[in-house]
PDB file of N, CA and C in Angstrom:
ATOM      1  N   MET A   1       3.619  24.419   4.287  1.00  0.00           N
ATOM      2  CA  MET A   1       2.988  23.117   4.298  1.00  0.00           C
ATOM      3  C   MET A   1       2.561  22.809   5.735  1.00  0.00           C
ATOM      4  N   ASN A   2       1.275  22.590   5.947  1.00  0.00           N
ATOM      5  CA  ASN A   2       0.799  22.333   7.299  1.00  0.00           C
ATOM      6  C   ASN A   2       0.914  20.859   7.649  1.00  0.00           C
ATOM      7  N   LEU A   3       0.601  20.559   8.920  1.00  0.00           N
ATOM      8  CA  LEU A   3       0.782  19.201   9.429  1.00  0.00           C
ATOM      9  C   LEU A   3      -0.158  18.211   8.743  1.00  0.00           C
ATOM     10  N   GLY A   4      -1.378  18.634   8.442  1.00  0.00           N
ATOM     11  CA  GLY A   4      -2.333  17.741   7.785  1.00  0.00           C
ATOM     12  C   GLY A   4      -1.877  17.303   6.411  1.00  0.00           C
ATOM     13  N   SER A   5      -1.337  18.231   5.640  1.00  0.00           N
ATOM     14  CA  SER A   5      -0.879  17.861   4.297  1.00  0.00           C
ATOM     15  C   SER A   5       0.386  17.003   4.359  1.00  0.00           C
ATOM     16  N   GLN A   6       1.209  17.210   5.393  1.00  0.00           N
ATOM     17  CA  GLN A   6       2.381  16.345   5.558  1.00  0.00           C
ATOM     18  C   GLN A   6       1.960  14.915   5.867  1.00  0.00           C
ATOM     19  N   ARG A   7       0.927  14.776   6.711  1.00  0.00           N
ATOM     20  CA  ARG A   7       0.450  13.430   7.042  1.00  0.00           C
ATOM     21  C   ARG A   7      -0.102  12.720   5.816  1.00  0.00           C
ATOM     22  N   THR A   8      -0.869  13.449   5.018  1.00  0.00           N
ATOM     23  CA  THR A   8      -1.435  12.800   3.826  1.00  0.00           C
ATOM     24  C   THR A   8      -0.336  12.423   2.842  1.00  0.00           C
ATOM     25  N   THR A   9       0.668  13.259   2.726  1.00  0.00           N
ATOM     26  CA  THR A   9       1.786  12.947   1.829  1.00  0.00           C
ATOM     27  C   THR A   9       2.521  11.698   2.307  1.00  0.00           C
ATOM     28  N   HIS A  10       2.741  11.600   3.615  1.00  0.00           N
ATOM     29  CA  HIS A  10       3.445  10.443   4.153  1.00  0.00           C
ATOM     30  C   HIS A  10       2.598   9.176   4.029  1.00  0.00           C
ATOM     31  N   LYS A  11       1.289   9.297   4.281  1.00  0.00           N
ATOM     32  CA  LYS A  11       0.418   8.129   4.142  1.00  0.00           C
ATOM     33  C   LYS A  11       0.338   7.664   2.692  1.00  0.00           C
ATOM     34  N   ARG A  12       0.276   8.609   1.773  1.00  0.00           N
ATOM     35  CA  ARG A  12       0.225   8.246   0.353  1.00  0.00           C
ATOM     36  C   ARG A  12       1.514   7.534  -0.053  1.00  0.00           C
ATOM     37  N   ALA A  13       2.640   8.043   0.393  1.00  0.00           N
ATOM     38  CA  ALA A  13       3.927   7.411   0.064  1.00  0.00           C
ATOM     39  C   ALA A  13       4.033   6.028   0.698  1.00  0.00           C
ATOM     40  N   LEU A  14       3.595   5.900   1.945  1.00  0.00           N
ATOM     41  CA  LEU A  14       3.641   4.603   2.613  1.00  0.00           C
ATOM     42  C   LEU A  14       2.719   3.604   1.927  1.00  0.00           C
ATOM     43  N   GLY A  15       1.562   4.063   1.475  1.00  0.00           N
ATOM     44  CA  GLY A  15       0.644   3.191   0.741  1.00  0.00           C
ATOM     45  C   GLY A  15       1.253   2.711  -0.559  1.00  0.00           C
ATOM     46  N   THR A  16       1.908   3.610  -1.274  1.00  0.00           N
ATOM     47  CA  THR A  16       2.554   3.234  -2.532  1.00  0.00           C
ATOM     48  C   THR A  16       3.684   2.237  -2.292  1.00  0.00           C
ATOM     49  N   ILE A  17       4.462   2.467  -1.252  1.00  0.00           N
ATOM     50  CA  ILE A  17       5.562   1.556  -0.927  1.00  0.00           C
ATOM     51  C   ILE A  17       5.024   0.184  -0.553  1.00  0.00           C
ATOM     52  N   ALA A  18       3.923   0.138   0.211  1.00  0.00           N
ATOM     53  CA  ALA A  18       3.340  -1.148   0.600  1.00  0.00           C
ATOM     54  C   ALA A  18       2.823  -1.906  -0.615  1.00  0.00           C
ATOM     55  N   ILE A  19       2.183  -1.196  -1.538  1.00  0.00           N
ATOM     56  CA  ILE A  19       1.689  -1.849  -2.760  1.00  0.00           C
ATOM     57  C   ILE A  19       2.856  -2.400  -3.578  1.00  0.00           C
ATOM     58  N   LEU A  20       3.881  -1.594  -3.761  1.00  0.00           N
ATOM     59  CA  LEU A  20       5.035  -2.047  -4.535  1.00  0.00           C
ATOM     60  C   LEU A  20       5.757  -3.212  -3.856  1.00  0.00           C
ATOM     61  N   ALA A  21       5.862  -3.164  -2.530  1.00  0.00           N
ATOM     62  CA  ALA A  21       6.512  -4.269  -1.806  1.00  0.00           C
ATOM     63  C   ALA A  21       5.696  -5.548  -1.939  1.00  0.00           C
ATOM     64  N   GLY A  22       4.375  -5.429  -1.863  1.00  0.00           N
ATOM     65  CA  GLY A  22       3.532  -6.614  -2.033  1.00  0.00           C
ATOM     66  C   GLY A  22       3.653  -7.208  -3.411  1.00  0.00           C
ATOM     67  N   LEU A  23       3.675  -6.368  -4.424  1.00  0.00           N
ATOM     68  CA  LEU A  23       3.833  -6.864  -5.789  1.00  0.00           C
ATOM     69  C   LEU A  23       5.218  -7.489  -5.988  1.00  0.00           C
ATOM     70  N   PHE A  24       6.231  -6.885  -5.375  1.00  0.00           N
ATOM     71  CA  PHE A  24       7.588  -7.423  -5.474  1.00  0.00           C
ATOM     72  C   PHE A  24       7.680  -8.793  -4.818  1.00  0.00           C
ATOM     73  N   VAL A  25       7.107  -8.941  -3.635  1.00  0.00           N
ATOM     74  CA  VAL A  25       7.113 -10.233  -2.941  1.00  0.00           C
ATOM     75  C   VAL A  25       6.390 -11.281  -3.777  1.00  0.00           C
ATOM     76  N   SER A  26       5.286 -10.889  -4.372  1.00  0.00           N
ATOM     77  CA  SER A  26       4.519 -11.819  -5.205  1.00  0.00           C
ATOM     78  C   SER A  26       5.327 -12.274  -6.415  1.00  0.00           C
ATOM     79  N   VAL A  27       5.959 -11.350  -7.098  1.00  0.00           N
ATOM     80  CA  VAL A  27       6.739 -11.691  -8.297  1.00  0.00           C
ATOM     81  C   VAL A  27       7.936 -12.552  -7.939  1.00  0.00           C
ATOM     82  N   VAL A  28       8.634 -12.204  -6.866  1.00  0.00           N
ATOM     83  CA  VAL A  28       9.815 -12.977  -6.469  1.00  0.00           C
ATOM     84  C   VAL A  28       9.416 -14.389  -6.061  1.00  0.00           C
ATOM     85  N   SER A  29       8.302 -14.518  -5.343  1.00  0.00           N
ATOM     86  CA  SER A  29       7.887 -15.858  -4.928  1.00  0.00           C
ATOM     87  C   SER A  29       7.419 -16.689  -6.109  1.00  0.00           C
ATOM     88  N   MET A  30       6.889 -16.073  -7.132  1.00  0.00           N
ATOM     89  CA  MET A  30       6.445 -16.823  -8.305  1.00  0.00           C
ATOM     90  C   MET A  30       7.598 -17.181  -9.240  1.00  0.00           C
ATOM     91  N   MET A  31       8.718 -16.490  -9.125  1.00  0.00           N
ATOM     92  CA  MET A  31       9.880 -16.802  -9.966  1.00  0.00           C
ATOM     93  C   MET A  31      10.603 -18.063  -9.499  1.00  0.00           C
ATOM     94  N   ASP A  32      10.347 -18.459  -8.262  1.00  0.00           N
ATOM     95  CA  ASP A  32      10.979 -19.657  -7.729  1.00  0.00           C
ATOM     96  C   ASP A  32      10.427 -20.882  -8.445  1.00  0.00           C
ATOM     97  N   ASP A  33      11.298 -21.823  -8.767  1.00  0.00           N
ATOM     98  CA  ASP A  33      10.875 -23.021  -9.497  1.00  0.00           C
ATOM     99  C   ASP A  33      10.046 -23.962  -8.632  1.00  0.00           C
ATOM    100  N   ASN A  34      10.236 -23.902  -7.337  1.00  0.00           N
ATOM    101  CA  ASN A  34       9.475 -24.767  -6.435  1.00  0.00           C
ATOM    102  C   ASN A  34       8.053 -24.244  -6.302  1.00  0.00           C
ATOM    103  N   ALA A  35       7.272 -24.916  -5.517  1.00  0.00           N
ATOM    104  CA  ALA A  35       5.884 -24.496  -5.296  1.00  0.00           C
ATOM    105  C   ALA A  35       5.873 -23.113  -4.642  1.00  0.00           C
ATOM    106  N   VAL A  36       4.889 -22.341  -5.001  1.00  0.00           N
ATOM    107  CA  VAL A  36       4.770 -20.991  -4.471  1.00  0.00           C
ATOM    108  C   VAL A  36       4.399 -21.081  -2.997  1.00  0.00           C
ATOM    109  N   SER A  37       5.105 -20.352  -2.179  1.00  0.00           N
ATOM    110  CA  SER A  37       4.870 -20.369  -0.742  1.00  0.00           C
ATOM    111  C   SER A  37       3.573 -19.643  -0.409  1.00  0.00           C
ATOM    112  N   VAL A  38       2.752 -20.289   0.389  1.00  0.00           N
ATOM    113  CA  VAL A  38       1.483 -19.687   0.793  1.00  0.00           C
ATOM    114  C   VAL A  38       1.747 -18.474   1.676  1.00  0.00           C
ATOM    115  N   ALA A  39       2.757 -18.548   2.524  1.00  0.00           N
ATOM    116  CA  ALA A  39       3.076 -17.441   3.418  1.00  0.00           C
ATOM    117  C   ALA A  39       3.492 -16.202   2.620  1.00  0.00           C
ATOM    118  N   ALA A  40       4.242 -16.402   1.554  1.00  0.00           N
ATOM    119  CA  ALA A  40       4.659 -15.265   0.727  1.00  0.00           C
ATOM    120  C   ALA A  40       3.463 -14.623   0.032  1.00  0.00           C
ATOM    121  N   LEU A  41       2.547 -15.455  -0.440  1.00  0.00           N
ATOM    122  CA  LEU A  41       1.358 -14.914  -1.092  1.00  0.00           C
ATOM    123  C   LEU A  41       0.469 -14.172  -0.099  1.00  0.00           C
ATOM    124  N   VAL A  42       0.330 -14.710   1.114  1.00  0.00           N
ATOM    125  CA  VAL A  42      -0.467 -14.033   2.148  1.00  0.00           C
ATOM    126  C   VAL A  42       0.180 -12.706   2.503  1.00  0.00           C
ATOM    127  N   LEU A  43       1.499 -12.695   2.638  1.00  0.00           N
ATOM    128  CA  LEU A  43       2.200 -11.446   2.934  1.00  0.00           C
ATOM    129  C   LEU A  43       1.986 -10.424   1.831  1.00  0.00           C
ATOM    130  N   SER A  44       2.073 -10.844   0.592  1.00  0.00           N
ATOM    131  CA  SER A  44       1.892  -9.900  -0.512  1.00  0.00           C
ATOM    132  C   SER A  44       0.459  -9.382  -0.554  1.00  0.00           C
ATOM    133  N   ILE A  45      -0.519 -10.230  -0.270  1.00  0.00           N
ATOM    134  CA  ILE A  45      -1.912  -9.778  -0.241  1.00  0.00           C
ATOM    135  C   ILE A  45      -2.129  -8.769   0.880  1.00  0.00           C
ATOM    136  N   VAL A  46      -1.566  -9.045   2.055  1.00  0.00           N
ATOM    137  CA  VAL A  46      -1.711  -8.119   3.182  1.00  0.00           C
ATOM    138  C   VAL A  46      -1.060  -6.783   2.857  1.00  0.00           C
ATOM    139  N   LEU A  47       0.112  -6.803   2.265  1.00  0.00           N
ATOM    140  CA  LEU A  47       0.796  -5.557   1.921  1.00  0.00           C
ATOM    141  C   LEU A  47       0.003  -4.743   0.891  1.00  0.00           C
ATOM    142  N   VAL A  48      -0.489  -5.409  -0.128  1.00  0.00           N
ATOM    143  CA  VAL A  48      -1.234  -4.702  -1.165  1.00  0.00           C
ATOM    144  C   VAL A  48      -2.534  -4.130  -0.596  1.00  0.00           C
ATOM    145  N   LEU A  49      -3.253  -4.913   0.199  1.00  0.00           N
ATOM    146  CA  LEU A  49      -4.498  -4.410   0.774  1.00  0.00           C
ATOM    147  C   LEU A  49      -4.256  -3.262   1.749  1.00  0.00           C
ATOM    148  N   THR A  50      -3.178  -3.328   2.508  1.00  0.00           N
ATOM    149  CA  THR A  50      -2.830  -2.230   3.406  1.00  0.00           C
ATOM    150  C   THR A  50      -2.503  -0.971   2.613  1.00  0.00           C
ATOM    151  N   GLY A  51      -1.739  -1.127   1.548  1.00  0.00           N
ATOM    152  CA  GLY A  51      -1.395   0.023   0.709  1.00  0.00           C
ATOM    153  C   GLY A  51      -2.608   0.647   0.052  1.00  0.00           C
ATOM    154  N   VAL A  52      -3.504  -0.193  -0.447  1.00  0.00           N
ATOM    155  CA  VAL A  52      -4.728   0.325  -1.071  1.00  0.00           C
ATOM    156  C   VAL A  52      -5.589   1.026  -0.028  1.00  0.00           C
ATOM    157  N   GLY A  53      -5.668   0.444   1.162  1.00  0.00           N
ATOM    158  CA  GLY A  53      -6.438   1.073   2.233  1.00  0.00           C
ATOM    159  C   GLY A  53      -5.891   2.431   2.621  1.00  0.00           C
ATOM    160  N   LEU A  54      -4.582   2.543   2.712  1.00  0.00           N
ATOM    161  CA  LEU A  54      -3.974   3.841   3.027  1.00  0.00           C
ATOM    162  C   LEU A  54      -4.247   4.864   1.933  1.00  0.00           C
ATOM    163  N   ARG A  55      -4.151   4.431   0.686  1.00  0.00           N
ATOM    164  CA  ARG A  55      -4.408   5.360  -0.418  1.00  0.00           C
ATOM    165  C   ARG A  55      -5.868   5.812  -0.429  1.00  0.00           C
ATOM    166  N   ILE A  56      -6.798   4.901  -0.129  1.00  0.00           N
ATOM    167  CA  ILE A  56      -8.211   5.267  -0.077  1.00  0.00           C
ATOM    168  C   ILE A  56      -8.468   6.229   1.072  1.00  0.00           C
ATOM    169  N   GLU A  57      -7.849   5.966   2.217  1.00  0.00           N
ATOM    170  CA  GLU A  57      -8.014   6.857   3.364  1.00  0.00           C
ATOM    171  C   GLU A  57      -7.534   8.271   3.044  1.00  0.00           C
ATOM    172  N   VAL A  58      -6.409   8.375   2.371  1.00  0.00           N
ATOM    173  CA  VAL A  58      -5.896   9.695   1.988  1.00  0.00           C
ATOM    174  C   VAL A  58      -6.844  10.389   1.021  1.00  0.00           C
ATOM    175  N   ALA A  59      -7.375   9.634   0.071  1.00  0.00           N
ATOM    176  CA  ALA A  59      -8.296  10.223  -0.904  1.00  0.00           C
ATOM    177  C   ALA A  59      -9.564  10.736  -0.216  1.00  0.00           C
ATOM    178  N   ILE A  60     -10.077   9.983   0.747  1.00  0.00           N
ATOM    179  CA  ILE A  60     -11.274  10.418   1.473  1.00  0.00           C
ATOM    180  C   ILE A  60     -10.977  11.657   2.299  1.00  0.00           C
ATOM    181  N   ASN A  61      -9.847  11.663   2.987  1.00  0.00           N
ATOM    182  CA  ASN A  61      -9.489  12.827   3.809  1.00  0.00           C
ATOM    183  C   ASN A  61      -9.268  14.073   2.954  1.00  0.00           C
ATOM    184  N   GLU A  62      -8.661  13.903   1.794  1.00  0.00           N
ATOM    185  CA  GLU A  62      -8.443  15.060   0.922  1.00  0.00           C
ATOM    186  C   GLU A  62      -9.759  15.602   0.373  1.00  0.00           C
ATOM    187  N   SER A  63     -10.686  14.715   0.030  1.00  0.00           N
ATOM    188  CA  SER A  63     -11.972  15.191  -0.492  1.00  0.00           C
ATOM    189  C   SER A  63     -12.759  15.909   0.595  1.00  0.00           C
ATOM    190  N   ARG A  64     -12.626  15.488   1.839  1.00  0.00           N
ATOM    191  CA  ARG A  64     -13.290  16.174   2.948  1.00  0.00           C
ATOM    192  C   ARG A  64     -12.672  17.538   3.196  1.00  0.00           C
ATOM    193  N   SER A  65     -11.361  17.643   3.055  1.00  0.00           N
ATOM    194  CA  SER A  65     -10.698  18.920   3.312  1.00  0.00           C
ATOM    195  C   SER A  65     -11.040  19.947   2.234  1.00  0.00           C
ATOM    196  N   TYR A  66     -11.307  19.500   1.015  1.00  0.00           N
ATOM    197  CA  TYR A  66     -11.677  20.435  -0.050  1.00  0.00           C
ATOM    198  C   TYR A  66     -13.105  20.951   0.135  1.00  0.00           C
ATOM    199  N   ARG A  67     -13.975  20.138   0.737  1.00  0.00           N
ATOM    200  CA  ARG A  67     -15.361  20.538   0.917  1.00  0.00           C
ATOM    201  C   ARG A  67     -15.546  21.542   2.050  1.00  0.00           C
ATOM    202  N   GLY A  68     -14.732  21.462   3.029  1.00  0.00           N
ATOM    203  CA  GLY A  68     -14.983  22.382   4.124  1.00  0.00           C
ATOM    204  C   GLY A  68     -13.975  22.304   5.125  1.00  0.00           C
TER     205      GLY A  68
END
């Protein structure tokens, strides 16, 4: 396993963890009976967008590596 494939594996895992953490924060904040915290929702949006961005970056890098 070379260094490039290790990086993509780690980025993919980090992206998945960020997406899951964002969804978890969102669900936990919505389970509260009080008003939903804006800060919690912003945090969950940032985490999900970061995770999606990492996953897209890995997909682009992998498609480039297959082409040449």
